[in-house]
């Protein structure tokens, strides 16, 4: 089974947390996720997240503290997800790899159809913020 190491960022602005909806044509199309992506050879986890946020959202992100990690097995692959707080960014968010984005208050994260690997991340985040 294929194993992927991926990163995700908890991007906050005022009282909102950024979620991105996957394109319908992609794996798990239509589900929501915390933005990020796959680790490339030779990259650190923080470098990966910074690159992915620049590629996917056109922002220069400040990668902050490590929040949590999640291991999840999908039908065809296993993912090891490393999640970091993103306390700030520069640039305007431009959607490149998603259908849309939404700024969501932490208490409403569970009302979005999240990727299975992102559900425990939302739970950890909610506990931390309350």
N, C-alpha and C. Protein backbone atom coordinates (compact mmCIF):
# COMPACT_ATOMS: atom_id res chain seq x y z
N UNK A 1 0.85 -1.18 0.00
CA UNK A 1 0.00 0.00 0.00
C UNK A 1 0.89 1.24 0.00
N UNK A 2 0.55 2.19 -0.81
CA UNK A 2 1.32 3.42 -0.92
C UNK A 2 1.20 4.24 0.37
N UNK A 3 2.33 4.83 0.79
CA UNK A 3 2.37 5.67 2.00
C UNK A 3 2.75 7.08 1.59
N UNK A 4 1.97 8.05 2.07
CA UNK A 4 2.24 9.46 1.78
C UNK A 4 2.45 10.23 3.07
N UNK A 5 3.43 11.11 3.04
CA UNK A 5 3.62 12.06 4.13
C UNK A 5 3.10 13.41 3.63
N UNK A 6 2.18 13.98 4.37
CA UNK A 6 1.57 15.25 3.94
C UNK A 6 1.54 16.23 5.11
N UNK A 7 1.41 17.50 4.76
CA UNK A 7 1.31 18.56 5.75
C UNK A 7 0.00 19.30 5.55
N UNK A 8 -0.44 19.97 6.60
CA UNK A 8 -1.63 20.82 6.51
C UNK A 8 -1.43 22.00 7.45
N UNK A 9 -2.05 23.11 7.09
CA UNK A 9 -1.95 24.31 7.89
C UNK A 9 -3.28 24.77 8.44
N UNK A 10 -3.25 25.20 9.68
CA UNK A 10 -4.42 25.82 10.31
C UNK A 10 -4.21 27.33 10.15
N UNK A 11 -4.85 27.87 9.12
CA UNK A 11 -4.69 29.28 8.80
C UNK A 11 -5.83 30.04 9.46
N UNK A 12 -5.45 30.98 10.33
CA UNK A 12 -6.47 31.75 11.06
C UNK A 12 -6.45 33.21 10.63
N UNK A 13 -7.64 33.76 10.60
CA UNK A 13 -7.81 35.18 10.31
C UNK A 13 -9.02 35.63 11.11
N UNK A 14 -8.80 36.56 12.03
CA UNK A 14 -9.85 36.98 12.96
C UNK A 14 -10.38 35.74 13.68
N UNK A 15 -11.67 35.45 13.60
CA UNK A 15 -12.20 34.27 14.29
C UNK A 15 -12.38 33.08 13.35
N UNK A 16 -11.90 33.21 12.11
CA UNK A 16 -12.11 32.15 11.14
C UNK A 16 -10.89 31.28 10.90
N UNK A 17 -11.14 30.05 10.50
CA UNK A 17 -10.12 29.08 10.11
C UNK A 17 -10.41 28.72 8.67
N UNK A 18 -9.36 28.72 7.84
CA UNK A 18 -9.55 28.49 6.42
C UNK A 18 -9.72 27.00 6.10
N UNK A 19 -10.81 26.69 5.43
CA UNK A 19 -11.02 25.36 4.86
C UNK A 19 -11.05 25.50 3.34
N UNK A 20 -10.61 24.45 2.66
CA UNK A 20 -10.63 24.43 1.20
C UNK A 20 -11.39 23.20 0.74
N UNK A 21 -12.25 23.39 -0.26
CA UNK A 21 -13.05 22.28 -0.77
C UNK A 21 -12.35 21.67 -1.98
N UNK A 22 -12.14 20.37 -1.93
CA UNK A 22 -11.47 19.67 -3.03
C UNK A 22 -12.33 19.69 -4.29
N UNK A 23 -11.67 19.78 -5.44
CA UNK A 23 -12.37 19.75 -6.72
C UNK A 23 -13.09 18.42 -6.88
N UNK A 24 -14.24 18.46 -7.51
CA UNK A 24 -15.03 17.24 -7.70
C UNK A 24 -14.26 16.16 -8.46
N UNK A 25 -13.37 16.57 -9.35
CA UNK A 25 -12.61 15.61 -10.16
C UNK A 25 -11.43 14.98 -9.41
N UNK A 26 -11.09 15.49 -8.24
CA UNK A 26 -9.96 14.98 -7.45
C UNK A 26 -10.40 13.86 -6.51
N UNK A 27 -9.42 13.15 -5.94
CA UNK A 27 -9.70 12.18 -4.90
C UNK A 27 -10.51 12.87 -3.80
N UNK A 28 -11.55 12.23 -3.33
CA UNK A 28 -12.43 12.77 -2.28
C UNK A 28 -13.02 14.12 -2.68
N UNK A 29 -13.36 14.23 -3.94
CA UNK A 29 -13.92 15.47 -4.47
C UNK A 29 -15.13 15.95 -3.70
N UNK A 30 -15.16 17.25 -3.43
CA UNK A 30 -16.28 17.86 -2.71
C UNK A 30 -16.08 17.92 -1.20
N UNK A 31 -15.14 17.15 -0.67
CA UNK A 31 -14.88 17.21 0.77
C UNK A 31 -13.99 18.40 1.09
N UNK A 32 -14.04 18.81 2.33
CA UNK A 32 -13.27 19.96 2.80
C UNK A 32 -12.02 19.51 3.52
N UNK A 33 -10.98 20.35 3.47
CA UNK A 33 -9.72 20.01 4.12
C UNK A 33 -9.02 21.27 4.61
N UNK A 34 -8.06 21.04 5.50
CA UNK A 34 -7.14 22.09 5.87
C UNK A 34 -6.07 22.08 4.78
N UNK A 35 -5.77 23.21 4.16
CA UNK A 35 -4.87 23.22 3.01
C UNK A 35 -3.46 22.74 3.34
N UNK A 36 -2.84 22.13 2.36
CA UNK A 36 -1.49 21.62 2.49
C UNK A 36 -1.20 20.67 1.36
N UNK A 37 -0.24 19.76 1.55
CA UNK A 37 0.05 18.83 0.48
C UNK A 37 1.19 17.89 0.79
N UNK A 38 1.61 17.18 -0.25
CA UNK A 38 2.58 16.10 -0.13
C UNK A 38 4.01 16.60 0.05
N UNK A 39 4.73 15.90 0.90
CA UNK A 39 6.14 16.17 1.15
C UNK A 39 6.96 15.70 -0.05
N UNK A 40 7.85 16.58 -0.53
CA UNK A 40 8.76 16.24 -1.62
C UNK A 40 10.11 15.80 -1.03
N UNK A 41 10.86 14.99 -1.76
CA UNK A 41 12.17 14.55 -1.26
C UNK A 41 13.07 15.75 -0.91
N UNK A 42 13.73 15.66 0.24
CA UNK A 42 14.65 16.69 0.66
C UNK A 42 14.03 17.88 1.38
N UNK A 43 12.71 17.93 1.47
CA UNK A 43 12.03 19.03 2.14
C UNK A 43 11.83 18.73 3.62
N UNK A 44 11.85 19.78 4.43
CA UNK A 44 11.39 19.63 5.80
C UNK A 44 9.86 19.75 5.77
N UNK A 45 9.22 19.37 6.85
CA UNK A 45 7.76 19.48 6.91
C UNK A 45 7.31 20.93 6.76
N UNK A 46 7.99 21.85 7.42
CA UNK A 46 7.63 23.27 7.34
C UNK A 46 7.85 23.82 5.93
N UNK A 47 8.95 23.41 5.29
CA UNK A 47 9.21 23.84 3.91
C UNK A 47 8.10 23.34 2.98
N UNK A 48 7.69 22.11 3.20
CA UNK A 48 6.61 21.53 2.40
C UNK A 48 5.34 22.35 2.52
N UNK A 49 4.94 22.64 3.74
CA UNK A 49 3.70 23.37 3.95
C UNK A 49 3.78 24.77 3.34
N UNK A 50 4.89 25.44 3.53
CA UNK A 50 5.07 26.77 2.96
C UNK A 50 4.95 26.73 1.42
N UNK A 51 5.62 25.75 0.79
CA UNK A 51 5.56 25.59 -0.67
C UNK A 51 4.13 25.29 -1.13
N UNK A 52 3.49 24.35 -0.46
CA UNK A 52 2.13 23.96 -0.86
C UNK A 52 1.15 25.12 -0.75
N UNK A 53 1.25 25.92 0.32
CA UNK A 53 0.34 27.05 0.47
C UNK A 53 0.60 28.12 -0.58
N UNK A 54 1.85 28.27 -0.98
CA UNK A 54 2.16 29.20 -2.06
C UNK A 54 1.60 28.68 -3.38
N UNK A 55 1.78 27.39 -3.65
CA UNK A 55 1.29 26.79 -4.90
C UNK A 55 -0.23 26.76 -4.96
N UNK A 56 -0.88 26.35 -3.88
CA UNK A 56 -2.33 26.16 -3.89
C UNK A 56 -3.12 27.44 -3.69
N UNK A 57 -2.60 28.35 -2.85
CA UNK A 57 -3.39 29.53 -2.46
C UNK A 57 -2.71 30.86 -2.79
N UNK A 58 -1.48 30.79 -3.30
CA UNK A 58 -0.73 31.98 -3.67
C UNK A 58 -0.42 32.89 -2.48
N UNK A 59 -0.19 32.28 -1.31
CA UNK A 59 0.15 33.08 -0.13
C UNK A 59 1.52 32.70 0.40
N UNK A 60 2.19 33.66 0.99
CA UNK A 60 3.44 33.43 1.70
C UNK A 60 3.08 33.27 3.17
N UNK A 61 3.17 32.05 3.64
CA UNK A 61 2.68 31.73 4.99
C UNK A 61 3.80 31.69 6.01
N UNK A 62 3.48 32.17 7.19
CA UNK A 62 4.34 32.04 8.35
C UNK A 62 3.96 30.72 9.02
N UNK A 63 4.88 29.76 9.01
CA UNK A 63 4.58 28.45 9.58
C UNK A 63 4.95 28.47 11.06
N UNK A 64 3.96 28.27 11.88
CA UNK A 64 4.14 28.36 13.33
C UNK A 64 4.34 27.01 13.98
N UNK A 65 3.76 26.87 15.17
CA UNK A 65 3.93 25.68 16.00
C UNK A 65 3.27 24.45 15.41
N UNK A 66 3.87 23.30 15.70
CA UNK A 66 3.29 22.01 15.37
C UNK A 66 2.04 21.83 16.22
N UNK A 67 0.95 21.36 15.61
CA UNK A 67 -0.30 21.15 16.34
C UNK A 67 -0.53 19.67 16.65
N UNK A 68 -0.50 18.84 15.63
CA UNK A 68 -0.80 17.42 15.82
C UNK A 68 -0.38 16.63 14.59
N UNK A 69 -0.41 15.32 14.73
CA UNK A 69 -0.21 14.45 13.57
C UNK A 69 -1.29 13.37 13.58
N UNK A 70 -1.63 12.91 12.38
CA UNK A 70 -2.69 11.92 12.22
C UNK A 70 -2.21 10.88 11.22
N UNK A 71 -2.50 9.63 11.54
CA UNK A 71 -2.27 8.54 10.58
C UNK A 71 -3.64 8.01 10.19
N UNK A 72 -3.85 7.91 8.87
CA UNK A 72 -5.15 7.44 8.40
C UNK A 72 -4.94 6.56 7.16
N UNK A 73 -5.69 5.49 7.09
CA UNK A 73 -5.63 4.60 5.93
C UNK A 73 -6.91 4.75 5.11
N UNK A 74 -6.72 5.16 3.86
CA UNK A 74 -7.81 5.21 2.88
C UNK A 74 -7.81 3.87 2.15
N UNK A 75 -8.68 3.70 1.18
CA UNK A 75 -8.78 2.42 0.47
C UNK A 75 -7.46 2.01 -0.19
N UNK A 76 -6.78 2.96 -0.84
CA UNK A 76 -5.61 2.64 -1.65
C UNK A 76 -4.28 3.14 -1.10
N UNK A 77 -4.29 3.92 -0.03
CA UNK A 77 -3.04 4.46 0.48
C UNK A 77 -3.17 4.83 1.95
N UNK A 78 -2.00 5.00 2.55
CA UNK A 78 -1.91 5.39 3.96
C UNK A 78 -1.30 6.79 4.01
N UNK A 79 -1.87 7.67 4.81
CA UNK A 79 -1.36 9.03 4.92
C UNK A 79 -0.89 9.30 6.35
N UNK A 80 0.25 9.97 6.45
CA UNK A 80 0.76 10.45 7.73
C UNK A 80 0.74 11.97 7.61
N UNK A 81 -0.18 12.58 8.31
CA UNK A 81 -0.46 14.01 8.21
C UNK A 81 0.16 14.76 9.39
N UNK A 82 0.94 15.79 9.08
CA UNK A 82 1.54 16.66 10.09
C UNK A 82 0.90 18.04 9.96
N UNK A 83 0.37 18.54 11.05
CA UNK A 83 -0.41 19.78 11.02
C UNK A 83 0.29 20.87 11.83
N UNK A 84 0.37 22.05 11.24
CA UNK A 84 1.01 23.20 11.86
C UNK A 84 0.05 24.38 11.91
N UNK A 85 0.23 25.21 12.91
CA UNK A 85 -0.51 26.47 12.96
C UNK A 85 0.14 27.45 12.00
N UNK A 86 -0.68 28.26 11.35
CA UNK A 86 -0.21 29.30 10.45
C UNK A 86 -0.76 30.62 10.99
N UNK A 87 0.03 31.30 11.83
CA UNK A 87 -0.47 32.51 12.49
C UNK A 87 -0.56 33.74 11.60
N UNK A 88 0.00 33.67 10.40
CA UNK A 88 -0.08 34.83 9.53
C UNK A 88 0.37 34.49 8.12
N UNK A 89 0.00 35.34 7.18
CA UNK A 89 0.41 35.16 5.79
C UNK A 89 0.34 36.51 5.08
N UNK A 90 1.04 36.59 3.97
CA UNK A 90 0.94 37.78 3.13
C UNK A 90 0.47 37.34 1.74
N UNK A 91 -0.15 38.27 1.05
CA UNK A 91 -0.70 37.98 -0.27
C UNK A 91 -2.20 37.76 -0.20
N UNK A 92 -2.82 37.85 -1.35
CA UNK A 92 -4.25 37.59 -1.48
C UNK A 92 -4.46 36.13 -1.81
N UNK A 93 -5.41 35.51 -1.15
CA UNK A 93 -5.70 34.10 -1.43
C UNK A 93 -6.31 33.98 -2.82
N UNK A 94 -5.65 33.19 -3.66
CA UNK A 94 -6.15 32.87 -4.99
C UNK A 94 -6.33 31.36 -5.05
N UNK A 95 -7.51 30.90 -5.35
CA UNK A 95 -7.80 29.47 -5.37
C UNK A 95 -7.25 28.87 -6.67
N UNK A 96 -6.33 27.92 -6.52
CA UNK A 96 -5.72 27.27 -7.68
C UNK A 96 -6.06 25.80 -7.78
N UNK A 97 -6.11 25.10 -6.66
CA UNK A 97 -6.29 23.65 -6.67
C UNK A 97 -7.57 23.18 -6.00
N UNK A 98 -8.45 24.08 -5.67
CA UNK A 98 -9.68 23.73 -4.96
C UNK A 98 -10.89 24.35 -5.67
N UNK A 99 -12.09 23.91 -5.29
CA UNK A 99 -13.32 24.50 -5.81
C UNK A 99 -13.58 25.86 -5.18
N UNK A 100 -13.40 25.89 -3.85
CA UNK A 100 -13.65 27.13 -3.12
C UNK A 100 -13.02 27.02 -1.74
N UNK A 101 -13.03 28.16 -1.04
CA UNK A 101 -12.55 28.20 0.33
C UNK A 101 -13.62 28.84 1.20
N UNK A 102 -13.47 28.64 2.50
CA UNK A 102 -14.41 29.25 3.45
C UNK A 102 -13.68 29.53 4.75
N UNK A 103 -13.98 30.69 5.36
CA UNK A 103 -13.49 31.01 6.70
C UNK A 103 -14.55 30.53 7.68
N UNK A 104 -14.18 29.61 8.55
CA UNK A 104 -15.14 28.92 9.41
C UNK A 104 -14.74 29.10 10.87
N UNK A 105 -15.70 29.46 11.71
CA UNK A 105 -15.45 29.50 13.16
C UNK A 105 -15.23 28.07 13.64
N UNK A 106 -14.31 27.90 14.58
CA UNK A 106 -13.93 26.56 15.05
C UNK A 106 -15.13 25.71 15.46
N UNK A 107 -16.10 26.32 16.13
CA UNK A 107 -17.24 25.52 16.59
C UNK A 107 -18.12 25.00 15.46
N UNK A 108 -17.92 25.50 14.23
CA UNK A 108 -18.72 25.04 13.09
C UNK A 108 -17.96 24.10 12.16
N UNK A 109 -16.71 23.77 12.50
CA UNK A 109 -15.93 22.88 11.64
C UNK A 109 -16.63 21.54 11.42
N UNK A 110 -17.28 21.02 12.44
CA UNK A 110 -17.93 19.71 12.32
C UNK A 110 -19.14 19.73 11.40
N UNK A 111 -19.62 20.90 11.03
CA UNK A 111 -20.76 20.97 10.11
C UNK A 111 -20.31 20.88 8.65
N UNK A 112 -19.00 20.84 8.41
CA UNK A 112 -18.46 20.67 7.06
C UNK A 112 -18.06 19.21 6.86
N UNK A 113 -18.23 18.72 5.65
CA UNK A 113 -17.82 17.35 5.33
C UNK A 113 -16.32 17.32 5.12
N UNK A 114 -15.59 17.02 6.19
CA UNK A 114 -14.14 17.02 6.15
C UNK A 114 -13.59 15.69 5.64
N UNK A 115 -12.39 15.76 5.05
CA UNK A 115 -11.68 14.52 4.74
C UNK A 115 -11.53 13.71 6.02
N UNK A 116 -11.62 12.40 5.96
CA UNK A 116 -11.51 11.60 7.17
C UNK A 116 -10.25 11.88 8.00
N UNK A 117 -9.11 12.10 7.36
CA UNK A 117 -7.88 12.37 8.12
C UNK A 117 -7.92 13.73 8.81
N UNK A 118 -8.77 14.65 8.34
CA UNK A 118 -8.86 15.98 8.92
C UNK A 118 -9.84 16.08 10.09
N UNK A 119 -10.69 15.08 10.25
CA UNK A 119 -11.67 15.11 11.35
C UNK A 119 -10.99 15.15 12.71
N UNK A 120 -9.98 14.27 12.99
CA UNK A 120 -9.32 14.37 14.29
C UNK A 120 -8.55 15.68 14.47
N UNK A 121 -8.10 16.28 13.38
CA UNK A 121 -7.42 17.57 13.45
C UNK A 121 -8.39 18.62 13.96
N UNK A 122 -9.61 18.63 13.40
CA UNK A 122 -10.63 19.57 13.84
C UNK A 122 -10.94 19.39 15.32
N UNK A 123 -10.97 18.13 15.78
CA UNK A 123 -11.25 17.85 17.19
C UNK A 123 -10.15 18.41 18.10
N UNK A 124 -8.90 18.19 17.71
CA UNK A 124 -7.76 18.71 18.48
C UNK A 124 -7.82 20.23 18.51
N UNK A 125 -8.08 20.83 17.38
CA UNK A 125 -8.14 22.28 17.26
C UNK A 125 -9.24 22.86 18.15
N UNK A 126 -10.40 22.25 18.12
CA UNK A 126 -11.53 22.73 18.93
C UNK A 126 -11.19 22.67 20.43
N UNK A 127 -10.57 21.58 20.86
CA UNK A 127 -10.16 21.46 22.27
C UNK A 127 -9.15 22.53 22.65
N UNK A 128 -8.24 22.81 21.73
CA UNK A 128 -7.21 23.81 22.00
C UNK A 128 -7.78 25.22 22.10
N UNK A 129 -8.79 25.51 21.31
CA UNK A 129 -9.34 26.86 21.25
C UNK A 129 -10.44 27.13 22.27
N UNK A 130 -10.95 26.08 22.92
CA UNK A 130 -12.03 26.29 23.89
C UNK A 130 -11.55 26.07 25.31
